[in-house]
PDB file of all heavy atoms in Angstrom:
ATOM      1  N   THR A   1     129.692 126.463  82.617  1.00  0.00           N
ATOM      2  CA  THR A   1     129.902 127.720  81.898  1.00  0.00           C
ATOM      3  C   THR A   1     128.723 128.693  82.084  1.00  0.00           C
ATOM      4  O   THR A   1     128.706 129.772  81.495  1.00  0.00           O
ATOM      5  CB  THR A   1     130.109 127.457  80.396  1.00  0.00           C
ATOM      6  OG1 THR A   1     128.927 126.825  79.895  1.00  0.00           O
ATOM      7  CG2 THR A   1     131.293 126.559  80.179  1.00  0.00           C
ATOM      8  N   GLY A   2     127.747 128.307  82.927  1.00  0.00           N
ATOM      9  CA  GLY A   2     126.573 129.140  83.108  1.00  0.00           C
ATOM     10  C   GLY A   2     126.701 130.095  84.267  1.00  0.00           C
ATOM     11  O   GLY A   2     127.796 130.415  84.740  1.00  0.00           O
ATOM     12  N   THR A   3     125.547 130.549  84.736  1.00  0.00           N
ATOM     13  CA  THR A   3     125.544 131.592  85.784  1.00  0.00           C
ATOM     14  C   THR A   3     124.900 131.086  87.091  1.00  0.00           C
ATOM     15  O   THR A   3     124.664 131.859  88.003  1.00  0.00           O
ATOM     16  CB  THR A   3     124.729 132.799  85.297  1.00  0.00           C
ATOM     17  OG1 THR A   3     123.425 132.401  84.941  1.00  0.00           O
ATOM     18  CG2 THR A   3     125.439 133.451  84.092  1.00  0.00           C
ATOM     19  N   ARG A   4     124.584 129.795  87.167  1.00  0.00           N
ATOM     20  CA  ARG A   4     123.972 129.246  88.362  1.00  0.00           C
ATOM     21  C   ARG A   4     124.669 127.953  88.761  1.00  0.00           C
ATOM     22  O   ARG A   4     125.200 127.220  87.910  1.00  0.00           O
ATOM     23  CB  ARG A   4     122.502 129.008  88.172  1.00  0.00           C
ATOM     24  CG  ARG A   4     122.157 128.103  86.988  1.00  0.00           C
ATOM     25  CD  ARG A   4     120.707 127.810  86.890  1.00  0.00           C
ATOM     26  NE  ARG A   4     120.371 127.066  85.697  1.00  0.00           N
ATOM     27  CZ  ARG A   4     119.309 126.286  85.588  1.00  0.00           C
ATOM     28  NH1 ARG A   4     118.441 126.182  86.606  1.00  0.00           N
ATOM     29  NH2 ARG A   4     119.062 125.631  84.477  1.00  0.00           N
ATOM     30  N   ALA A   5     124.670 127.669  90.045  1.00  0.00           N
ATOM     31  CA  ALA A   5     125.263 126.443  90.536  1.00  0.00           C
ATOM     32  C   ALA A   5     124.414 125.240  90.132  1.00  0.00           C
ATOM     33  O   ALA A   5     123.195 125.351  90.092  1.00  0.00           O
ATOM     34  CB  ALA A   5     125.430 126.495  92.064  1.00  0.00           C
ATOM     35  N   MET A   6     125.061 124.119  89.884  1.00  0.00           N
ATOM     36  CA  MET A   6     124.371 122.900  89.494  1.00  0.00           C
ATOM     37  C   MET A   6     124.815 121.762  90.426  1.00  0.00           C
ATOM     38  O   MET A   6     125.989 121.665  90.806  1.00  0.00           O
ATOM     39  CB  MET A   6     124.674 122.506  88.061  1.00  0.00           C
ATOM     40  CG  MET A   6     124.251 123.549  87.032  1.00  0.00           C
ATOM     41  SD  MET A   6     122.459 123.736  86.890  1.00  0.00           S
ATOM     42  CE  MET A   6     122.028 122.161  86.190  1.00  0.00           C
ATOM     43  N   GLY A   7     123.862 120.928  90.830  1.00  0.00           N
ATOM     44  CA  GLY A   7     124.200 119.772  91.667  1.00  0.00           C
ATOM     45  C   GLY A   7     123.029 119.282  92.466  1.00  0.00           C
ATOM     46  O   GLY A   7     121.965 119.949  92.508  1.00  0.00           O
ATOM     47  N   PRO A   8     123.160 118.151  93.087  1.00  0.00           N
ATOM     48  CA  PRO A   8     124.304 117.250  92.913  1.00  0.00           C
ATOM     49  C   PRO A   8     124.318 116.576  91.543  1.00  0.00           C
ATOM     50  O   PRO A   8     123.266 116.308  90.993  1.00  0.00           O
ATOM     51  CB  PRO A   8     124.096 116.204  94.054  1.00  0.00           C
ATOM     52  CG  PRO A   8     122.629 116.203  94.284  1.00  0.00           C
ATOM     53  CD  PRO A   8     122.138 117.602  94.029  1.00  0.00           C
ATOM     54  N   ILE A   9     125.527 116.325  91.064  1.00  0.00           N
ATOM     55  CA  ILE A   9     125.741 115.732  89.739  1.00  0.00           C
ATOM     56  C   ILE A   9     126.311 114.345  89.924  1.00  0.00           C
ATOM     57  O   ILE A   9     127.355 114.196  90.642  1.00  0.00           O
ATOM     58  CB  ILE A   9     126.647 116.609  88.858  1.00  0.00           C
ATOM     59  CG1 ILE A   9     126.040 117.979  88.645  1.00  0.00           C
ATOM     60  CG2 ILE A   9     126.907 115.920  87.527  1.00  0.00           C
ATOM     61  CD1 ILE A   9     126.976 118.964  87.953  1.00  0.00           C
ATOM     62  N   GLU A  10     125.731 113.349  89.318  1.00  0.00           N
ATOM     63  CA  GLU A  10     126.228 111.970  89.357  1.00  0.00           C
ATOM     64  C   GLU A  10     126.990 111.657  88.083  1.00  0.00           C
ATOM     65  O   GLU A  10     126.581 112.076  86.987  1.00  0.00           O
ATOM     66  CB  GLU A  10     125.065 110.976  89.542  1.00  0.00           C
ATOM     67  CG  GLU A  10     124.298 111.177  90.850  1.00  0.00           C
ATOM     68  CD  GLU A  10     123.125 110.232  90.979  1.00  0.00           C
ATOM     69  OE1 GLU A  10     122.713 109.652  89.903  1.00  0.00           O
ATOM     70  OE2 GLU A  10     122.583 110.067  92.082  1.00  0.00           O
ATOM     71  N   LEU A  11     128.071 110.919  88.194  1.00  0.00           N
ATOM     72  CA  LEU A  11     128.870 110.551  87.061  1.00  0.00           C
ATOM     73  C   LEU A  11     128.919 109.028  86.927  1.00  0.00           C
ATOM     74  O   LEU A  11     129.186 108.345  87.895  1.00  0.00           O
ATOM     75  CB  LEU A  11     130.312 111.097  87.217  1.00  0.00           C
ATOM     76  CG  LEU A  11     130.370 112.610  87.228  1.00  0.00           C
ATOM     77  CD1 LEU A  11     131.603 113.115  87.966  1.00  0.00           C
ATOM     78  CD2 LEU A  11     130.413 113.127  85.773  1.00  0.00           C
ATOM     79  N   SER A  12     128.581 108.535  85.744  1.00  0.00           N
ATOM     80  CA  SER A  12     128.574 107.053  85.568  1.00  0.00           C
ATOM     81  C   SER A  12     128.756 106.742  84.121  1.00  0.00           C
ATOM     82  O   SER A  12     128.456 107.564  83.230  1.00  0.00           O
ATOM     83  CB  SER A  12     127.233 106.481  86.053  1.00  0.00           C
ATOM     84  OG  SER A  12     126.140 106.980  85.311  1.00  0.00           O
ATOM     85  N   ALA A  13     129.264 105.512  83.843  1.00  0.00           N
ATOM     86  CA  ALA A  13     129.410 105.004  82.485  1.00  0.00           C
ATOM     87  C   ALA A  13     128.252 104.075  82.221  1.00  0.00           C
ATOM     88  O   ALA A  13     127.960 103.185  83.008  1.00  0.00           O
ATOM     89  CB  ALA A  13     130.743 104.299  82.332  1.00  0.00           C
ATOM     90  N   ARG A  14     127.555 104.307  81.083  1.00  0.00           N
ATOM     91  CA  ARG A  14     126.396 103.482  80.753  1.00  0.00           C
ATOM     92  C   ARG A  14     126.444 103.112  79.278  1.00  0.00           C
ATOM     93  O   ARG A  14     126.338 103.954  78.406  1.00  0.00           O
ATOM     94  CB  ARG A  14     125.088 104.216  81.036  1.00  0.00           C
ATOM     95  CG  ARG A  14     124.817 104.464  82.519  1.00  0.00           C
ATOM     96  CD  ARG A  14     123.420 104.991  82.720  1.00  0.00           C
ATOM     97  NE  ARG A  14     123.280 106.330  82.213  1.00  0.00           N
ATOM     98  CZ  ARG A  14     122.099 106.948  82.041  1.00  0.00           C
ATOM     99  NH1 ARG A  14     120.967 106.324  82.296  1.00  0.00           N
ATOM    100  NH2 ARG A  14     122.053 108.202  81.603  1.00  0.00           N
ATOM    101  N   GLY A  15     126.592 101.820  79.005  1.00  0.00           N
ATOM    102  CA  GLY A  15     126.551 101.332  77.628  1.00  0.00           C
ATOM    103  C   GLY A  15     127.911 101.233  77.039  1.00  0.00           C
ATOM    104  O   GLY A  15     128.775 102.120  77.149  1.00  0.00           O
ATOM    105  N   THR A  16     128.189 100.119  76.345  1.00  0.00           N
ATOM    106  CA  THR A  16     129.376  99.889  75.590  1.00  0.00           C
ATOM    107  C   THR A  16     129.001  99.302  74.239  1.00  0.00           C
ATOM    108  O   THR A  16     128.132  98.401  74.170  1.00  0.00           O
ATOM    109  CB  THR A  16     130.354  98.954  76.313  1.00  0.00           C
ATOM    110  OG1 THR A  16     130.686  99.519  77.584  1.00  0.00           O
ATOM    111  CG2 THR A  16     131.657  98.745  75.508  1.00  0.00           C
ATOM    112  N   TRP A  17     129.608  99.770  73.165  1.00  0.00           N
ATOM    113  CA  TRP A  17     129.324  99.302  71.808  1.00  0.00           C
ATOM    114  C   TRP A  17     130.591  98.910  71.107  1.00  0.00           C
ATOM    115  O   TRP A  17     131.679  99.424  71.362  1.00  0.00           O
ATOM    116  CB  TRP A  17     128.647 100.435  71.043  1.00  0.00           C
ATOM    117  CG  TRP A  17     127.390 100.952  71.650  1.00  0.00           C
ATOM    118  CD1 TRP A  17     126.101 100.548  71.349  1.00  0.00           C
ATOM    119  CD2 TRP A  17     127.243 101.961  72.643  1.00  0.00           C
ATOM    120  NE1 TRP A  17     125.181 101.230  72.107  1.00  0.00           N
ATOM    121  CE2 TRP A  17     125.859 102.105  72.926  1.00  0.00           C
ATOM    122  CE3 TRP A  17     128.143 102.743  73.348  1.00  0.00           C
ATOM    123  CZ2 TRP A  17     125.378 103.001  73.855  1.00  0.00           C
ATOM    124  CZ3 TRP A  17     127.675 103.668  74.286  1.00  0.00           C
ATOM    125  CH2 TRP A  17     126.288 103.775  74.506  1.00  0.00           C
ATOM    126  N   ASP A  18     130.440  97.934  70.161  1.00  0.00           N
ATOM    127  CA  ASP A  18     131.589  97.566  69.342  1.00  0.00           C
ATOM    128  C   ASP A  18     131.691  98.465  68.128  1.00  0.00           C
ATOM    129  O   ASP A  18     130.903  99.438  67.979  1.00  0.00           O
ATOM    130  CB  ASP A  18     131.521  96.074  68.997  1.00  0.00           C
ATOM    131  CG  ASP A  18     130.344  95.720  68.057  1.00  0.00           C
ATOM    132  OD1 ASP A  18     129.770  96.637  67.441  1.00  0.00           O
ATOM    133  OD2 ASP A  18     130.049  94.524  67.958  1.00  0.00           O
ATOM    134  N   SER A  19     132.581  98.150  67.202  1.00  0.00           N
ATOM    135  CA  SER A  19     132.844  99.021  66.074  1.00  0.00           C
ATOM    136  C   SER A  19     131.673  99.103  65.087  1.00  0.00           C
ATOM    137  O   SER A  19     131.574 100.028  64.298  1.00  0.00           O
ATOM    138  CB  SER A  19     134.073  98.576  65.313  1.00  0.00           C
ATOM    139  OG  SER A  19     133.935  97.237  64.860  1.00  0.00           O
ATOM    140  N   THR A  20     130.745  98.125  65.139  1.00  0.00           N
ATOM    141  CA  THR A  20     129.602  98.188  64.255  1.00  0.00           C
ATOM    142  C   THR A  20     128.436  98.930  64.883  1.00  0.00           C
ATOM    143  O   THR A  20     127.401  99.127  64.224  1.00  0.00           O
ATOM    144  CB  THR A  20     129.105  96.746  63.936  1.00  0.00           C
ATOM    145  OG1 THR A  20     128.518  96.168  65.079  1.00  0.00           O
ATOM    146  CG2 THR A  20     130.256  95.889  63.454  1.00  0.00           C
ATOM    147  N   GLY A  21     128.568  99.359  66.128  1.00  0.00           N
ATOM    148  CA  GLY A  21     127.480 100.052  66.805  1.00  0.00           C
ATOM    149  C   GLY A  21     126.597  99.111  67.619  1.00  0.00           C
ATOM    150  O   GLY A  21     125.614  99.551  68.203  1.00  0.00           O
ATOM    151  N   ALA A  22     126.951  97.826  67.655  1.00  0.00           N
ATOM    152  CA  ALA A  22     126.106  96.876  68.375  1.00  0.00           C
ATOM    153  C   ALA A  22     126.450  96.937  69.860  1.00  0.00           C
ATOM    154  O   ALA A  22     127.624  97.005  70.259  1.00  0.00           O
ATOM    155  CB  ALA A  22     126.416  95.438  67.875  1.00  0.00           C
ATOM    156  N   PRO A  23     125.427  96.958  70.708  1.00  0.00           N
ATOM    157  CA  PRO A  23     125.677  96.985  72.166  1.00  0.00           C
ATOM    158  C   PRO A  23     126.287  95.667  72.630  1.00  0.00           C
ATOM    159  O   PRO A  23     125.975  94.590  72.119  1.00  0.00           O
ATOM    160  CB  PRO A  23     124.270  97.162  72.777  1.00  0.00           C
ATOM    161  CG  PRO A  23     123.331  96.655  71.712  1.00  0.00           C
ATOM    162  CD  PRO A  23     123.988  96.955  70.391  1.00  0.00           C
ATOM    163  N   ILE A  24     127.234  95.769  73.593  1.00  0.00           N
ATOM    164  CA  ILE A  24     127.917  94.586  74.136  1.00  0.00           C
ATOM    165  C   ILE A  24     127.141  94.145  75.353  1.00  0.00           C
ATOM    166  O   ILE A  24     126.973  94.878  76.323  1.00  0.00           O
ATOM    167  CB  ILE A  24     129.362  94.916  74.472  1.00  0.00           C
ATOM    168  CG1 ILE A  24     130.092  95.470  73.261  1.00  0.00           C
ATOM    169  CG2 ILE A  24     130.085  93.654  74.981  1.00  0.00           C
ATOM    170  CD1 ILE A  24     130.076  94.576  72.060  1.00  0.00           C
ATOM    171  N   ALA A  25     126.681  92.898  75.333  1.00  0.00           N
ATOM    172  CA  ALA A  25     125.874  92.401  76.452  1.00  0.00           C
ATOM    173  C   ALA A  25     126.643  91.414  77.320  1.00  0.00           C
ATOM    174  O   ALA A  25     126.210  91.051  78.433  1.00  0.00           O
ATOM    175  CB  ALA A  25     124.622  91.673  75.925  1.00  0.00           C
ATOM    176  N   ALA A  26     127.789  90.938  76.890  1.00  0.00           N
ATOM    177  CA  ALA A  26     128.557  89.961  77.689  1.00  0.00           C
ATOM    178  C   ALA A  26     130.013  90.392  77.733  1.00  0.00           C
ATOM    179  O   ALA A  26     130.507  91.107  76.861  1.00  0.00           O
ATOM    180  CB  ALA A  26     128.441  88.561  77.078  1.00  0.00           C
ATOM    181  N   LEU A  27     130.715  89.922  78.777  1.00  0.00           N
ATOM    182  CA  LEU A  27     132.127  90.257  78.940  1.00  0.00           C
ATOM    183  C   LEU A  27     132.339  91.750  78.892  1.00  0.00           C
ATOM    184  O   LEU A  27     133.236  92.233  78.176  1.00  0.00           O
ATOM    185  CB  LEU A  27     133.000  89.512  77.911  1.00  0.00           C
ATOM    186  CG  LEU A  27     132.917  88.003  77.912  1.00  0.00           C
ATOM    187  CD1 LEU A  27     133.691  87.406  76.767  1.00  0.00           C
ATOM    188  CD2 LEU A  27     133.414  87.430  79.220  1.00  0.00           C
ATOM    189  N   LEU A  28     131.513  92.480  79.587  1.00  0.00           N
ATOM    190  CA  LEU A  28     131.539  93.926  79.520  1.00  0.00           C
ATOM    191  C   LEU A  28     132.806  94.507  80.074  1.00  0.00           C
ATOM    192  O   LEU A  28     133.252  94.134  81.172  1.00  0.00           O
ATOM    193  CB  LEU A  28     130.349  94.521  80.284  1.00  0.00           C
ATOM    194  CG  LEU A  28     128.994  94.484  79.593  1.00  0.00           C
ATOM    195  CD1 LEU A  28     127.910  94.900  80.568  1.00  0.00           C
ATOM    196  CD2 LEU A  28     128.984  95.375  78.391  1.00  0.00           C
TER     197      LEU A  28
END
């Protein structure tokens, strides 16, 4: 939404949490 070009941009998923907010370390 700005006025200048941006890049290169990398897209990745990092981190998964359960309903309590605890990070999931196994069976991701």
